[in-house]
Amino acid sequence: MAAETNESIDIQISTLPWDQVAVDAFVCPTNSEGVMSQFPASKLRDLAGREVEDLVKEHTPLAIGAAFVTPAGKMKARFLIHVPNTDKPGGRVQVEDVLRATAAVLVACRVKGFSTIAVPLMGAFDSGIPAEEAARAIHSELKAYRGERPLKAYLMAKDADDVEVFELAMEGSIP
């Protein structure tokens, strides 16, 4: 699988089960209301424990481009970084929303001192954008990272299709 490294960030694709990824934080794409009813947030809620959703809801509404950090519950990741990329559950997602959400992840990493993160494909579901555009947006924001401490980012692929779109984004082959 593809990997990309510069002095600030090491980006790799991972197909590990999400609850088995030992990172500082796992990114949880969500909505401004903090309702974790849509994939991938629903999967992360089920893996971490339902109480995670209550922690987020106490601090809503969350703006697109903001991030909220909670413990990751039963997962091997230590924390979840909740980043809204739509206003409401199942709401429409734009490429700009994925870019802003990914930028918010990087800010949270700097503030919290995280050095390893797991990032699932976000914004590419029912009312979202094409997976290729989402992967390109996530990759371009991560690649632009220039923090004081190096960051290792795992692009979390749930299946062969995700692996392919992440690889194409990393190779710059997506039209």
Protein backbone atom coordinates (compact mmCIF):
# COMPACT_ATOMS: atom_id res chain seq x y z
CA MET A 1 0.00 0.00 0.00
CA ALA A 2 1.02 3.56 -0.60
CA ALA A 3 2.91 5.65 1.94
CA GLU A 4 4.11 9.23 1.81
CA THR A 5 6.55 10.99 4.11
CA ASN A 6 8.05 14.45 4.47
CA GLU A 7 9.77 16.07 7.46
CA SER A 8 6.43 16.93 9.12
CA ILE A 9 4.07 14.07 8.29
CA ASP A 10 4.09 10.37 7.49
CA ILE A 11 0.88 9.29 5.71
CA GLN A 12 0.04 5.59 5.37
CA ILE A 13 -3.01 3.57 4.42
CA SER A 14 -4.29 1.08 6.99
CA THR A 15 -6.87 -1.69 6.74
CA LEU A 16 -6.73 -2.69 10.40
CA PRO A 17 -10.00 -3.06 12.30
CA TRP A 18 -10.82 0.39 13.65
CA ASP A 19 -11.02 -0.66 17.29
CA GLN A 20 -7.52 -2.19 17.05
CA VAL A 21 -5.65 0.92 15.88
CA ALA A 22 -3.34 2.16 18.66
CA VAL A 23 -3.10 5.90 17.95
CA ASP A 24 -3.37 9.06 19.98
CA ALA A 25 -6.65 9.93 18.27
CA PHE A 26 -9.13 8.51 15.80
CA VAL A 27 -11.02 11.06 13.69
CA CYS A 28 -14.81 10.89 13.98
CA PRO A 29 -16.56 12.79 11.18
CA THR A 30 -19.92 13.95 12.49
CA ASN A 31 -22.49 16.73 12.17
CA SER A 32 -22.98 20.00 14.03
CA GLU A 33 -25.62 18.40 16.27
CA GLY A 34 -23.22 15.68 17.44
CA VAL A 35 -25.69 12.95 16.48
CA MET A 36 -23.65 9.86 15.61
CA SER A 37 -26.28 8.10 13.48
CA GLN A 38 -24.49 8.05 10.12
CA PHE A 39 -21.42 6.04 9.05
CA PRO A 40 -18.57 6.43 10.01
CA ALA A 41 -19.65 8.15 13.26
CA SER A 42 -22.17 5.41 14.03
CA LYS A 43 -19.48 2.74 13.73
CA LEU A 44 -17.12 4.70 16.01
CA ARG A 45 -19.92 5.23 18.56
CA ASP A 46 -20.58 1.48 18.60
CA LEU A 47 -16.87 0.71 19.02
CA ALA A 48 -16.12 3.37 21.64
CA GLY A 49 -19.38 3.15 23.60
CA ARG A 50 -22.63 5.05 23.34
CA GLU A 51 -21.66 7.51 26.09
CA VAL A 52 -19.26 9.20 23.62
CA GLU A 53 -22.24 10.65 21.74
CA ASP A 54 -23.62 12.17 24.97
CA LEU A 55 -20.27 13.86 25.65
CA VAL A 56 -20.34 15.52 22.23
CA LYS A 57 -24.00 16.54 22.38
CA GLU A 58 -23.35 18.49 25.60
CA HIS A 59 -21.19 20.87 23.53
CA THR A 60 -23.32 21.36 20.44
CA PRO A 61 -23.85 22.99 18.10
CA LEU A 62 -20.35 22.48 16.72
CA ALA A 63 -19.34 24.60 13.75
CA ILE A 64 -18.01 23.00 10.59
CA GLY A 65 -14.30 23.62 10.95
CA ALA A 66 -14.31 23.03 14.72
CA ALA A 67 -13.09 19.97 16.59
CA PHE A 68 -14.09 18.42 19.90
CA VAL A 69 -11.98 15.76 21.63
CA THR A 70 -13.39 12.96 23.79
CA PRO A 71 -11.95 9.76 25.24
CA ALA A 72 -12.17 6.83 22.79
CA GLY A 73 -13.79 4.48 25.28
CA LYS A 74 -13.25 0.81 24.46
CA MET A 75 -11.05 1.47 21.42
CA LYS A 76 -7.24 1.19 21.39
CA ALA A 77 -7.10 4.82 20.25
CA ARG A 78 -6.82 7.11 23.28
CA PHE A 79 -9.14 9.84 22.00
CA LEU A 80 -11.70 10.64 19.31
CA ILE A 81 -11.51 13.94 17.45
CA HIS A 82 -15.09 14.80 16.46
CA VAL A 83 -15.20 17.08 13.42
CA PRO A 84 -18.48 18.18 11.84
CA ASN A 85 -18.57 18.16 8.05
CA THR A 86 -22.32 18.84 7.76
CA ASP A 87 -24.93 20.75 9.74
CA LYS A 88 -27.34 17.90 10.48
CA PRO A 89 -27.39 14.08 10.42
CA GLY A 90 -27.42 12.91 6.81
CA GLY A 91 -26.92 16.50 5.59
CA ARG A 92 -25.24 17.45 2.36
CA VAL A 93 -21.42 17.57 2.43
CA GLN A 94 -19.21 19.70 0.17
CA VAL A 95 -15.49 19.32 -0.58
CA GLU A 96 -14.86 22.54 1.41
CA ASP A 97 -16.49 20.93 4.46
CA VAL A 98 -14.09 17.97 4.29
CA LEU A 99 -11.14 20.35 3.90
CA ARG A 100 -12.27 22.39 6.93
CA ALA A 101 -12.87 19.26 9.00
CA THR A 102 -9.41 17.91 8.16
CA ALA A 103 -7.82 21.27 8.99
CA ALA A 104 -9.64 21.18 12.36
CA VAL A 105 -8.14 17.74 13.02
CA LEU A 106 -4.65 19.14 12.48
CA VAL A 107 -5.33 22.06 14.84
CA ALA A 108 -6.57 19.62 17.50
CA CYS A 109 -3.40 17.55 17.05
CA ARG A 110 -1.22 20.62 17.62
CA VAL A 111 -3.19 21.79 20.65
CA LYS A 112 -3.41 18.35 22.29
CA GLY A 113 0.10 17.22 21.30
CA PHE A 114 -1.08 14.19 19.33
CA SER A 115 1.55 12.53 17.15
CA THR A 116 -0.49 9.66 15.66
CA ILE A 117 -3.99 9.81 14.16
CA ALA A 118 -6.34 7.57 12.21
CA VAL A 119 -8.51 9.24 9.57
CA PRO A 120 -11.42 7.44 7.88
CA LEU A 121 -12.84 8.51 4.55
CA MET A 122 -15.29 11.29 5.40
CA GLY A 123 -17.99 13.06 3.46
CA ALA A 124 -18.30 10.34 0.81
CA PHE A 125 -21.52 8.67 1.81
CA ASP A 126 -25.26 8.91 1.01
CA SER A 127 -25.55 12.68 0.67
CA GLY A 128 -21.86 13.33 0.36
CA ILE A 129 -19.30 13.86 -2.34
CA PRO A 130 -17.58 11.26 -4.54
CA ALA A 131 -15.06 9.17 -2.59
CA GLU A 132 -12.24 10.31 -4.90
CA GLU A 133 -12.89 13.96 -4.05
CA ALA A 134 -13.11 13.23 -0.33
CA ALA A 135 -9.83 11.26 -0.38
CA ARG A 136 -8.09 14.02 -2.33
CA ALA A 137 -9.33 16.69 0.12
CA ILE A 138 -8.20 14.72 3.18
CA HIS A 139 -4.82 13.91 1.64
CA SER A 140 -4.14 17.48 0.47
CA GLU A 141 -4.80 18.92 3.94
CA LEU A 142 -2.67 16.28 5.65
CA LYS A 143 0.16 16.70 3.15
CA ALA A 144 0.21 20.46 3.81
CA TYR A 145 0.75 19.90 7.55
CA ARG A 146 3.82 21.69 8.91
CA GLY A 147 3.72 21.29 12.66
CA GLU A 148 6.47 21.63 15.24
CA ARG A 149 6.32 17.90 15.95
CA PRO A 150 6.05 15.18 13.30
CA LEU A 151 2.65 13.58 12.77
CA LYS A 152 1.87 10.05 11.58
CA ALA A 153 -1.53 9.76 9.88
CA TYR A 154 -3.20 6.49 8.98
CA LEU A 155 -5.83 6.74 6.25
CA MET A 156 -8.32 4.11 7.40
CA ALA A 157 -9.63 2.05 4.51
CA LYS A 158 -12.67 -0.11 5.29
CA ASP A 159 -12.45 -2.03 2.00
CA ALA A 160 -10.57 -2.36 -1.29
CA ASP A 161 -12.45 0.61 -2.78
CA ASP A 162 -11.24 2.89 0.03
CA VAL A 163 -7.68 1.61 -0.43
CA GLU A 164 -7.89 2.45 -4.14
CA VAL A 165 -9.21 6.00 -3.68
CA PHE A 166 -6.63 6.75 -0.98
CA GLU A 167 -3.83 5.36 -3.19
CA LEU A 168 -5.01 7.43 -6.14
CA ALA A 169 -5.13 10.56 -3.98
CA MET A 170 -1.60 9.91 -2.73
CA GLU A 171 -0.32 9.30 -6.26
CA GLY A 172 -2.06 12.43 -7.51
CA SER A 173 -3.86 10.35 -10.14
CA ILE A 174 -7.40 11.44 -9.39
CA PRO A 175 -8.64 13.73 -12.17
